[in-house]
Amino acid sequence: RASQERWPQLDPQVPQNAGFLKHIDHFDPAFFGVSQLEARGMDPQQRILLMLAWECLENAGLNPENLRGKRVGVFIGLSSADYAQTQIRQLEQVNTYTITGLAASTCANRISYFFDFKGPSLIVDTACSSSLSALHLARQSLGQGEIDLALVGGANILLSPLIQSAFDAASALSPDGLCRPFDAEANGIARGEGAGM
Protein backbone atom coordinates (compact mmCIF):
# COMPACT_ATOMS: atom_id res chain seq x y z
CA ARG A 1 0.00 0.00 0.00
CA ALA A 2 1.34 3.46 -0.82
CA SER A 3 2.86 5.23 2.14
CA GLN A 4 1.35 8.53 1.03
CA GLU A 5 -1.86 7.27 2.66
CA ARG A 6 -0.01 7.05 5.98
CA TRP A 7 2.67 9.67 5.50
CA PRO A 8 1.14 12.47 3.42
CA GLN A 9 3.73 14.98 4.66
CA LEU A 10 6.74 12.85 3.62
CA ASP A 11 9.18 14.48 1.24
CA PRO A 12 8.62 12.93 -2.24
CA GLN A 13 12.40 12.46 -2.48
CA VAL A 14 12.35 9.93 0.40
CA PRO A 15 11.77 6.35 -0.83
CA GLN A 16 8.22 5.53 0.20
CA ASN A 17 8.18 1.79 -0.34
CA ALA A 18 7.07 -0.01 2.79
CA GLY A 19 4.80 -2.88 3.73
CA PHE A 20 1.61 -1.82 5.50
CA LEU A 21 -1.03 -3.81 7.33
CA LYS A 22 -4.63 -3.02 6.46
CA HIS A 23 -7.29 -2.11 9.01
CA ILE A 24 -4.99 -1.33 11.93
CA ASP A 25 -7.83 0.75 13.34
CA HIS A 26 -10.21 -2.23 13.66
CA PHE A 27 -10.74 -3.04 17.33
CA ASP A 28 -13.70 -4.07 19.49
CA PRO A 29 -13.15 -2.03 22.67
CA ALA A 30 -16.22 -3.38 24.48
CA PHE A 31 -14.92 -6.95 24.19
CA PHE A 32 -11.78 -5.91 26.08
CA GLY A 33 -13.57 -3.68 28.59
CA VAL A 34 -12.20 -0.47 27.07
CA SER A 35 -14.28 2.67 26.49
CA GLN A 36 -14.45 4.27 23.04
CA LEU A 37 -12.56 7.31 24.34
CA GLU A 38 -9.77 5.18 25.79
CA ALA A 39 -9.58 3.05 22.62
CA ARG A 40 -9.03 6.18 20.51
CA GLY A 41 -6.02 7.04 22.67
CA MET A 42 -4.46 3.55 22.49
CA ASP A 43 -1.44 2.95 20.31
CA PRO A 44 -2.60 0.59 17.52
CA GLN A 45 0.21 -1.74 18.59
CA GLN A 46 -1.56 -2.13 21.97
CA ARG A 47 -4.85 -2.95 20.27
CA ILE A 48 -3.32 -5.45 17.86
CA LEU A 49 -1.31 -7.20 20.58
CA LEU A 50 -4.35 -7.46 22.84
CA MET A 51 -6.33 -9.10 20.03
CA LEU A 52 -3.39 -11.38 19.18
CA ALA A 53 -3.11 -12.48 22.83
CA TRP A 54 -6.74 -13.61 22.77
CA GLU A 55 -6.27 -15.33 19.42
CA CYS A 56 -3.05 -17.00 20.58
CA LEU A 57 -4.72 -18.51 23.65
CA GLU A 58 -7.71 -19.54 21.57
CA ASN A 59 -5.51 -21.25 18.96
CA ALA A 60 -3.61 -23.05 21.73
CA GLY A 61 -6.90 -24.39 23.10
CA LEU A 62 -6.42 -22.52 26.38
CA ASN A 63 -9.39 -21.00 28.20
CA PRO A 64 -8.35 -17.52 29.41
CA GLU A 65 -10.63 -17.91 32.44
CA ASN A 66 -8.54 -20.86 33.62
CA LEU A 67 -5.38 -18.73 33.50
CA ARG A 68 -6.62 -15.88 35.72
CA GLY A 69 -4.28 -15.32 38.63
CA LYS A 70 -1.75 -17.80 37.21
CA ARG A 71 1.98 -17.36 36.65
CA VAL A 72 1.76 -16.35 32.99
CA GLY A 73 4.45 -14.02 31.65
CA VAL A 74 3.99 -11.52 28.83
CA PHE A 75 7.11 -10.67 26.84
CA ILE A 76 6.67 -8.20 23.97
CA GLY A 77 9.26 -7.01 21.47
CA LEU A 78 8.60 -3.40 20.52
CA SER A 79 10.82 -0.61 19.28
CA SER A 80 8.47 1.83 17.61
CA ALA A 81 6.98 4.93 19.23
CA ASP A 82 5.39 6.23 16.04
CA TYR A 83 1.93 6.65 17.53
CA ALA A 84 3.22 8.95 20.27
CA GLN A 85 5.04 11.03 17.64
CA THR A 86 1.81 11.52 15.70
CA GLN A 87 -0.48 12.23 18.66
CA ILE A 88 0.99 14.84 20.94
CA ARG A 89 1.24 18.01 18.93
CA GLN A 90 -0.58 20.30 21.36
CA LEU A 91 -1.34 20.16 25.08
CA GLU A 92 -5.07 20.25 24.30
CA GLN A 93 -4.74 16.71 22.90
CA VAL A 94 -3.69 15.29 26.27
CA ASN A 95 -6.38 13.51 28.26
CA THR A 96 -6.78 10.90 31.00
CA TYR A 97 -5.75 8.09 28.68
CA THR A 98 -2.64 9.71 27.20
CA ILE A 99 -0.25 8.00 29.63
CA THR A 100 -1.56 4.47 29.16
CA GLY A 101 -2.34 4.99 25.49
CA LEU A 102 1.16 6.04 24.49
CA ALA A 103 3.42 4.19 26.97
CA ALA A 104 5.19 1.26 25.35
CA SER A 105 5.08 -0.66 28.64
CA THR A 106 1.29 -0.71 28.45
CA CYS A 107 1.45 -2.95 25.36
CA ALA A 108 2.46 -5.82 27.67
CA ASN A 109 0.83 -4.59 30.87
CA ARG A 110 -2.62 -4.22 29.33
CA ILE A 111 -2.52 -7.89 28.30
CA SER A 112 -1.47 -8.96 31.80
CA TYR A 113 -4.13 -6.78 33.37
CA PHE A 114 -6.96 -7.88 31.08
CA PHE A 115 -6.22 -11.60 31.57
CA ASP A 116 -5.16 -11.17 35.24
CA PHE A 117 -1.77 -12.80 34.65
CA LYS A 118 0.68 -12.76 37.56
CA GLY A 119 3.99 -13.31 35.76
CA PRO A 120 6.50 -10.78 34.43
CA SER A 121 5.02 -8.28 32.00
CA LEU A 122 7.60 -6.44 29.99
CA ILE A 123 8.59 -4.73 26.79
CA VAL A 124 11.92 -5.53 25.18
CA ASP A 125 13.53 -3.02 22.84
CA THR A 126 16.69 -4.21 21.12
CA ALA A 127 15.74 -2.64 17.77
CA CYS A 128 15.42 -5.24 15.01
CA SER A 129 15.93 -8.16 17.40
CA SER A 130 13.29 -7.06 19.94
CA SER A 131 10.90 -9.98 19.48
CA LEU A 132 13.71 -12.54 19.39
CA SER A 133 15.13 -11.04 22.59
CA ALA A 134 11.66 -11.23 24.16
CA LEU A 135 11.51 -14.91 23.23
CA HIS A 136 14.93 -15.46 24.81
CA LEU A 137 13.83 -13.82 28.07
CA ALA A 138 10.58 -15.82 28.12
CA ARG A 139 12.53 -19.05 27.64
CA GLN A 140 14.84 -18.08 30.52
CA SER A 141 11.89 -17.29 32.76
CA LEU A 142 10.27 -20.65 31.96
CA GLY A 143 13.56 -22.50 32.46
CA GLN A 144 14.13 -20.90 35.86
CA GLY A 145 10.63 -21.81 37.00
CA GLU A 146 9.49 -18.19 37.40
CA ILE A 147 6.44 -18.81 35.22
CA ASP A 148 4.36 -21.72 33.96
CA LEU A 149 3.33 -20.20 30.63
CA ALA A 150 4.53 -17.34 28.45
CA LEU A 151 2.94 -15.18 25.79
CA VAL A 152 5.65 -13.82 23.51
CA GLY A 153 4.97 -11.39 20.73
CA GLY A 154 5.96 -8.29 18.89
CA ALA A 155 4.53 -5.52 16.76
CA ASN A 156 5.74 -2.83 14.42
CA ILE A 157 3.40 -0.19 13.02
CA LEU A 158 4.71 2.62 10.81
CA LEU A 159 2.70 5.74 11.60
CA SER A 160 5.28 8.49 11.50
CA PRO A 161 7.48 9.52 8.56
CA LEU A 162 10.31 10.56 10.92
CA ILE A 163 12.09 7.20 11.05
CA GLN A 164 11.66 6.65 7.29
CA SER A 165 13.29 10.04 6.70
CA ALA A 166 16.11 9.20 9.12
CA PHE A 167 16.80 5.88 7.39
CA ASP A 168 16.83 7.73 4.08
CA ALA A 169 19.30 10.28 5.44
CA ALA A 170 21.54 7.36 6.45
CA SER A 171 21.23 5.91 2.90
CA ALA A 172 19.80 2.74 4.43
CA LEU A 173 16.57 2.45 2.38
CA SER A 174 16.37 0.33 -0.74
CA PRO A 175 15.32 2.64 -3.59
CA ASP A 176 13.23 -0.15 -5.15
CA GLY A 177 11.71 -1.22 -1.84
CA LEU A 178 13.11 -4.76 -1.97
CA CYS A 179 15.10 -6.50 0.74
CA ARG A 180 17.78 -8.88 -0.50
CA PRO A 181 19.58 -10.12 2.62
CA PHE A 182 23.01 -11.64 1.95
CA ASP A 183 22.60 -11.01 -1.79
CA ALA A 184 25.25 -9.28 -3.92
CA GLU A 185 22.45 -7.07 -5.29
CA ALA A 186 21.32 -5.90 -1.84
CA ASN A 187 20.79 -2.15 -1.93
CA GLY A 188 19.21 -1.34 1.42
CA ILE A 189 16.30 -2.21 3.65
CA ALA A 190 12.55 -1.99 3.15
CA ARG A 191 10.51 -1.32 6.25
CA GLY A 192 7.30 -3.13 7.02
CA GLU A 193 4.51 -3.53 9.51
CA GLY A 194 3.61 -6.72 11.27
CA ALA A 195 2.62 -8.33 14.53
CA GLY A 196 2.66 -11.83 15.89
CA MET A 197 2.33 -13.77 19.11
C-alpha atoms as a PDB file:
ATOM      1  CA  ARG A   1       0.000   0.000   0.000  1.00  0.00           C
ATOM      2  CA  ALA A   2       1.342   3.456  -0.816  1.00  0.00           C
ATOM      3  CA  SER A   3       2.865   5.226   2.143  1.00  0.00           C
ATOM      4  CA  GLN A   4       1.347   8.525   1.026  1.00  0.00           C
ATOM      5  CA  GLU A   5      -1.856   7.275   2.661  1.00  0.00           C
ATOM      6  CA  ARG A   6      -0.013   7.048   5.980  1.00  0.00           C
ATOM      7  CA  TRP A   7       2.674   9.673   5.496  1.00  0.00           C
ATOM      8  CA  PRO A   8       1.136  12.469   3.416  1.00  0.00           C
ATOM      9  CA  GLN A   9       3.732  14.976   4.658  1.00  0.00           C
ATOM     10  CA  LEU A  10       6.743  12.854   3.624  1.00  0.00           C
ATOM     11  CA  ASP A  11       9.180  14.483   1.244  1.00  0.00           C
ATOM     12  CA  PRO A  12       8.625  12.933  -2.236  1.00  0.00           C
ATOM     13  CA  GLN A  13      12.401  12.458  -2.483  1.00  0.00           C
ATOM     14  CA  VAL A  14      12.351   9.928   0.397  1.00  0.00           C
ATOM     15  CA  PRO A  15      11.766   6.351  -0.834  1.00  0.00           C
ATOM     16  CA  GLN A  16       8.225   5.533   0.201  1.00  0.00           C
ATOM     17  CA  ASN A  17       8.185   1.794  -0.338  1.00  0.00           C
ATOM     18  CA  ALA A  18       7.073  -0.012   2.788  1.00  0.00           C
ATOM     19  CA  GLY A  19       4.803  -2.881   3.734  1.00  0.00           C
ATOM     20  CA  PHE A  20       1.615  -1.818   5.498  1.00  0.00           C
ATOM     21  CA  LEU A  21      -1.035  -3.805   7.330  1.00  0.00           C
ATOM     22  CA  LYS A  22      -4.630  -3.017   6.462  1.00  0.00           C
ATOM     23  CA  HIS A  23      -7.290  -2.111   9.011  1.00  0.00           C
ATOM     24  CA  ILE A  24      -4.989  -1.326  11.928  1.00  0.00           C
ATOM     25  CA  ASP A  25      -7.832   0.753  13.339  1.00  0.00           C
ATOM     26  CA  HIS A  26     -10.207  -2.234  13.658  1.00  0.00           C
ATOM     27  CA  PHE A  27     -10.740  -3.039  17.331  1.00  0.00           C
ATOM     28  CA  ASP A  28     -13.697  -4.073  19.494  1.00  0.00           C
ATOM     29  CA  PRO A  29     -13.145  -2.027  22.668  1.00  0.00           C
ATOM     30  CA  ALA A  30     -16.215  -3.378  24.479  1.00  0.00           C
ATOM     31  CA  PHE A  31     -14.919  -6.946  24.187  1.00  0.00           C
ATOM     32  CA  PHE A  32     -11.776  -5.912  26.083  1.00  0.00           C
ATOM     33  CA  GLY A  33     -13.566  -3.675  28.586  1.00  0.00           C
ATOM     34  CA  VAL A  34     -12.196  -0.472  27.066  1.00  0.00           C
ATOM     35  CA  SER A  35     -14.275   2.674  26.488  1.00  0.00           C
ATOM     36  CA  GLN A  36     -14.450   4.266  23.037  1.00  0.00           C
ATOM     37  CA  LEU A  37     -12.562   7.312  24.343  1.00  0.00           C
ATOM     38  CA  GLU A  38      -9.771   5.180  25.785  1.00  0.00           C
ATOM     39  CA  ALA A  39      -9.579   3.052  22.619  1.00  0.00           C
ATOM     40  CA  ARG A  40      -9.035   6.178  20.513  1.00  0.00           C
ATOM     41  CA  GLY A  41      -6.023   7.035  22.665  1.00  0.00           C
ATOM     42  CA  MET A  42      -4.457   3.555  22.489  1.00  0.00           C
ATOM     43  CA  ASP A  43      -1.438   2.946  20.308  1.00  0.00           C
ATOM     44  CA  PRO A  44      -2.600   0.591  17.518  1.00  0.00           C
ATOM     45  CA  GLN A  45       0.213  -1.742  18.592  1.00  0.00           C
ATOM     46  CA  GLN A  46      -1.558  -2.133  21.965  1.00  0.00           C
ATOM     47  CA  ARG A  47      -4.851  -2.946  20.275  1.00  0.00           C
ATOM     48  CA  ILE A  48      -3.319  -5.446  17.863  1.00  0.00           C
ATOM     49  CA  LEU A  49      -1.311  -7.202  20.577  1.00  0.00           C
ATOM     50  CA  LEU A  50      -4.355  -7.463  22.836  1.00  0.00           C
ATOM     51  CA  MET A  51      -6.330  -9.100  20.026  1.00  0.00           C
ATOM     52  CA  LEU A  52      -3.388 -11.384  19.184  1.00  0.00           C
ATOM     53  CA  ALA A  53      -3.106 -12.475  22.826  1.00  0.00           C
ATOM     54  CA  TRP A  54      -6.740 -13.611  22.769  1.00  0.00           C
ATOM     55  CA  GLU A  55      -6.270 -15.331  19.415  1.00  0.00           C
ATOM     56  CA  CYS A  56      -3.051 -16.999  20.584  1.00  0.00           C
ATOM     57  CA  LEU A  57      -4.716 -18.513  23.653  1.00  0.00           C
ATOM     58  CA  GLU A  58      -7.713 -19.543  21.574  1.00  0.00           C
ATOM     59  CA  ASN A  59      -5.505 -21.251  18.961  1.00  0.00           C
ATOM     60  CA  ALA A  60      -3.606 -23.054  21.731  1.00  0.00           C
ATOM     61  CA  GLY A  61      -6.897 -24.390  23.104  1.00  0.00           C
ATOM     62  CA  LEU A  62      -6.422 -22.518  26.385  1.00  0.00           C
ATOM     63  CA  ASN A  63      -9.391 -21.005  28.201  1.00  0.00           C
ATOM     64  CA  PRO A  64      -8.354 -17.519  29.405  1.00  0.00           C
ATOM     65  CA  GLU A  65     -10.627 -17.906  32.441  1.00  0.00           C
ATOM     66  CA  ASN A  66      -8.545 -20.860  33.617  1.00  0.00           C
ATOM     67  CA  LEU A  67      -5.383 -18.729  33.497  1.00  0.00           C
ATOM     68  CA  ARG A  68      -6.621 -15.885  35.718  1.00  0.00           C
ATOM     69  CA  GLY A  69      -4.280 -15.318  38.628  1.00  0.00           C
ATOM     70  CA  LYS A  70      -1.752 -17.800  37.205  1.00  0.00           C
ATOM     71  CA  ARG A  71       1.982 -17.361  36.649  1.00  0.00           C
ATOM     72  CA  VAL A  72       1.762 -16.352  32.992  1.00  0.00           C
ATOM     73  CA  GLY A  73       4.450 -14.022  31.651  1.00  0.00           C
ATOM     74  CA  VAL A  74       3.995 -11.515  28.830  1.00  0.00           C
ATOM     75  CA  PHE A  75       7.115 -10.666  26.839  1.00  0.00           C
ATOM     76  CA  ILE A  76       6.672  -8.204  23.972  1.00  0.00           C
ATOM     77  CA  GLY A  77       9.265  -7.012  21.475  1.00  0.00           C
ATOM     78  CA  LEU A  78       8.598  -3.405  20.522  1.00  0.00           C
ATOM     79  CA  SER A  79      10.822  -0.612  19.283  1.00  0.00           C
ATOM     80  CA  SER A  80       8.466   1.834  17.607  1.00  0.00           C
ATOM     81  CA  ALA A  81       6.982   4.925  19.235  1.00  0.00           C
ATOM     82  CA  ASP A  82       5.391   6.229  16.039  1.00  0.00           C
ATOM     83  CA  TYR A  83       1.932   6.652  17.533  1.00  0.00           C
ATOM     84  CA  ALA A  84       3.224   8.954  20.269  1.00  0.00           C
ATOM     85  CA  GLN A  85       5.038  11.028  17.643  1.00  0.00           C
ATOM     86  CA  THR A  86       1.812  11.522  15.704  1.00  0.00           C
ATOM     87  CA  GLN A  87      -0.478  12.226  18.659  1.00  0.00           C
ATOM     88  CA  ILE A  88       0.990  14.843  20.942  1.00  0.00           C
ATOM     89  CA  ARG A  89       1.241  18.012  18.930  1.00  0.00           C
ATOM     90  CA  GLN A  90      -0.583  20.296  21.364  1.00  0.00           C
ATOM     91  CA  LEU A  91      -1.341  20.160  25.081  1.00  0.00           C
ATOM     92  CA  GLU A  92      -5.070  20.246  24.297  1.00  0.00           C
ATOM     93  CA  GLN A  93      -4.736  16.714  22.902  1.00  0.00           C
ATOM     94  CA  VAL A  94      -3.687  15.292  26.270  1.00  0.00           C
ATOM     95  CA  ASN A  95      -6.385  13.506  28.263  1.00  0.00           C
ATOM     96  CA  THR A  96      -6.781  10.898  31.005  1.00  0.00           C
ATOM     97  CA  TYR A  97      -5.745   8.089  28.676  1.00  0.00           C
ATOM     98  CA  THR A  98      -2.635   9.705  27.204  1.00  0.00           C
ATOM     99  CA  ILE A  99      -0.251   8.005  29.635  1.00  0.00           C
ATOM    100  CA  THR A 100      -1.556   4.465  29.155  1.00  0.00           C
ATOM    101  CA  GLY A 101      -2.337   4.993  25.486  1.00  0.00           C
ATOM    102  CA  LEU A 102       1.165   6.041  24.494  1.00  0.00           C
ATOM    103  CA  ALA A 103       3.422   4.191  26.966  1.00  0.00           C
ATOM    104  CA  ALA A 104       5.195   1.257  25.346  1.00  0.00           C
ATOM    105  CA  SER A 105       5.078  -0.660  28.637  1.00  0.00           C
ATOM    106  CA  THR A 106       1.294  -0.707  28.454  1.00  0.00           C
ATOM    107  CA  CYS A 107       1.451  -2.946  25.363  1.00  0.00           C
ATOM    108  CA  ALA A 108       2.464  -5.819  27.672  1.00  0.00           C
ATOM    109  CA  ASN A 109       0.833  -4.593  30.871  1.00  0.00           C
ATOM    110  CA  ARG A 110      -2.618  -4.219  29.329  1.00  0.00           C
ATOM    111  CA  ILE A 111      -2.515  -7.893  28.304  1.00  0.00           C
ATOM    112  CA  SER A 112      -1.466  -8.961  31.797  1.00  0.00           C
ATOM    113  CA  TYR A 113      -4.130  -6.778  33.372  1.00  0.00           C
ATOM    114  CA  PHE A 114      -6.956  -7.885  31.076  1.00  0.00           C
ATOM    115  CA  PHE A 115      -6.222 -11.597  31.573  1.00  0.00           C
ATOM    116  CA  ASP A 116      -5.156 -11.168  35.235  1.00  0.00           C
ATOM    117  CA  PHE A 117      -1.769 -12.799  34.645  1.00  0.00           C
ATOM    118  CA  LYS A 118       0.678 -12.759  37.560  1.00  0.00           C
ATOM    119  CA  GLY A 119       3.989 -13.309  35.763  1.00  0.00           C
ATOM    120  CA  PRO A 120       6.504 -10.780  34.433  1.00  0.00           C
ATOM    121  CA  SER A 121       5.022  -8.284  32.005  1.00  0.00           C
ATOM    122  CA  LEU A 122       7.595  -6.440  29.987  1.00  0.00           C
ATOM    123  CA  ILE A 123       8.593  -4.726  26.795  1.00  0.00           C
ATOM    124  CA  VAL A 124      11.923  -5.532  25.182  1.00  0.00           C
ATOM    125  CA  ASP A 125      13.530  -3.018  22.844  1.00  0.00           C
ATOM    126  CA  THR A 126      16.694  -4.215  21.124  1.00  0.00           C
ATOM    127  CA  ALA A 127      15.744  -2.637  17.771  1.00  0.00           C
ATOM    128  CA  CYS A 128      15.423  -5.236  15.011  1.00  0.00           C
ATOM    129  CA  SER A 129      15.934  -8.157  17.400  1.00  0.00           C
ATOM    130  CA  SER A 130      13.293  -7.058  19.943  1.00  0.00           C
ATOM    131  CA  SER A 131      10.900  -9.984  19.480  1.00  0.00           C
ATOM    132  CA  LEU A 132      13.714 -12.543  19.388  1.00  0.00           C
ATOM    133  CA  SER A 133      15.129 -11.043  22.591  1.00  0.00           C
ATOM    134  CA  ALA A 134      11.658 -11.227  24.156  1.00  0.00           C
ATOM    135  CA  LEU A 135      11.511 -14.912  23.232  1.00  0.00           C
ATOM    136  CA  HIS A 136      14.931 -15.464  24.809  1.00  0.00           C
ATOM    137  CA  LEU A 137      13.834 -13.820  28.073  1.00  0.00           C
ATOM    138  CA  ALA A 138      10.581 -15.815  28.116  1.00  0.00           C
ATOM    139  CA  ARG A 139      12.532 -19.047  27.640  1.00  0.00           C
ATOM    140  CA  GLN A 140      14.844 -18.085  30.517  1.00  0.00           C
ATOM    141  CA  SER A 141      11.889 -17.295  32.762  1.00  0.00           C
ATOM    142  CA  LEU A 142      10.271 -20.645  31.958  1.00  0.00           C
ATOM    143  CA  GLY A 143      13.562 -22.500  32.464  1.00  0.00           C
ATOM    144  CA  GLN A 144      14.131 -20.903  35.858  1.00  0.00           C
ATOM    145  CA  GLY A 145      10.626 -21.808  37.003  1.00  0.00           C
ATOM    146  CA  GLU A 146       9.492 -18.192  37.401  1.00  0.00           C
ATOM    147  CA  ILE A 147       6.436 -18.807  35.223  1.00  0.00           C
ATOM    148  CA  ASP A 148       4.362 -21.724  33.961  1.00  0.00           C
ATOM    149  CA  LEU A 149       3.327 -20.203  30.634  1.00  0.00           C
ATOM    150  CA  ALA A 150       4.533 -17.339  28.445  1.00  0.00           C
ATOM    151  CA  LEU A 151       2.938 -15.178  25.789  1.00  0.00           C
ATOM    152  CA  VAL A 152       5.646 -13.822  23.506  1.00  0.00           C
ATOM    153  CA  GLY A 153       4.974 -11.386  20.725  1.00  0.00           C
ATOM    154  CA  GLY A 154       5.959  -8.287  18.888  1.00  0.00           C
ATOM    155  CA  ALA A 155       4.530  -5.522  16.757  1.00  0.00           C
ATOM    156  CA  ASN A 156       5.740  -2.828  14.416  1.00  0.00           C
ATOM    157  CA  ILE A 157       3.399  -0.194  13.023  1.00  0.00           C
ATOM    158  CA  LEU A 158       4.705   2.623  10.806  1.00  0.00           C
ATOM    159  CA  LEU A 159       2.703   5.736  11.598  1.00  0.00           C
ATOM    160  CA  SER A 160       5.282   8.494  11.501  1.00  0.00           C
ATOM    161  CA  PRO A 161       7.480   9.520   8.564  1.00  0.00           C
ATOM    162  CA  LEU A 162      10.308  10.561  10.916  1.00  0.00           C
ATOM    163  CA  ILE A 163      12.095   7.200  11.054  1.00  0.00           C
ATOM    164  CA  GLN A 164      11.660   6.646   7.294  1.00  0.00           C
ATOM    165  CA  SER A 165      13.291  10.036   6.704  1.00  0.00           C
ATOM    166  CA  ALA A 166      16.106   9.197   9.123  1.00  0.00           C
ATOM    167  CA  PHE A 167      16.805   5.876   7.387  1.00  0.00           C
ATOM    168  CA  ASP A 168      16.828   7.728   4.079  1.00  0.00           C
ATOM    169  CA  ALA A 169      19.296  10.281   5.440  1.00  0.00           C
ATOM    170  CA  ALA A 170      21.536   7.363   6.450  1.00  0.00           C
ATOM    171  CA  SER A 171      21.229   5.908   2.897  1.00  0.00           C
ATOM    172  CA  ALA A 172      19.797   2.737   4.425  1.00  0.00           C
ATOM    173  CA  LEU A 173      16.573   2.450   2.384  1.00  0.00           C
ATOM    174  CA  SER A 174      16.367   0.332  -0.739  1.00  0.00           C
ATOM    175  CA  PRO A 175      15.323   2.639  -3.591  1.00  0.00           C
ATOM    176  CA  ASP A 176      13.229  -0.148  -5.153  1.00  0.00           C
ATOM    177  CA  GLY A 177      11.707  -1.223  -1.839  1.00  0.00           C
ATOM    178  CA  LEU A 178      13.110  -4.757  -1.972  1.00  0.00           C
ATOM    179  CA  CYS A 179      15.102  -6.504   0.739  1.00  0.00           C
ATOM    180  CA  ARG A 180      17.781  -8.877  -0.501  1.00  0.00           C
ATOM    181  CA  PRO A 181      19.575 -10.123   2.617  1.00  0.00           C
ATOM    182  CA  PHE A 182      23.011 -11.643   1.951  1.00  0.00           C
ATOM    183  CA  ASP A 183      22.600 -11.008  -1.793  1.00  0.00           C
ATOM    184  CA  ALA A 184      25.246  -9.284  -3.916  1.00  0.00           C
ATOM    185  CA  GLU A 185      22.451  -7.068  -5.285  1.00  0.00           C
ATOM    186  CA  ALA A 186      21.316  -5.904  -1.841  1.00  0.00           C
ATOM    187  CA  ASN A 187      20.791  -2.148  -1.930  1.00  0.00           C
ATOM    188  CA  GLY A 188      19.210  -1.336   1.423  1.00  0.00           C
ATOM    189  CA  ILE A 189      16.301  -2.208   3.650  1.00  0.00           C
ATOM    190  CA  ALA A 190      12.554  -1.994   3.148  1.00  0.00           C
ATOM    191  CA  ARG A 191      10.515  -1.324   6.247  1.00  0.00           C
ATOM    192  CA  GLY A 192       7.302  -3.130   7.020  1.00  0.00           C
ATOM    193  CA  GLU A 193       4.508  -3.531   9.511  1.00  0.00           C
ATOM    194  CA  GLY A 194       3.615  -6.716  11.274  1.00  0.00           C
ATOM    195  CA  ALA A 195       2.618  -8.327  14.527  1.00  0.00           C
ATOM    196  CA  GLY A 196       2.659 -11.833  15.893  1.00  0.00           C
ATOM    197  CA  MET A 197       2.333 -13.773  19.110  1.00  0.00           C
END
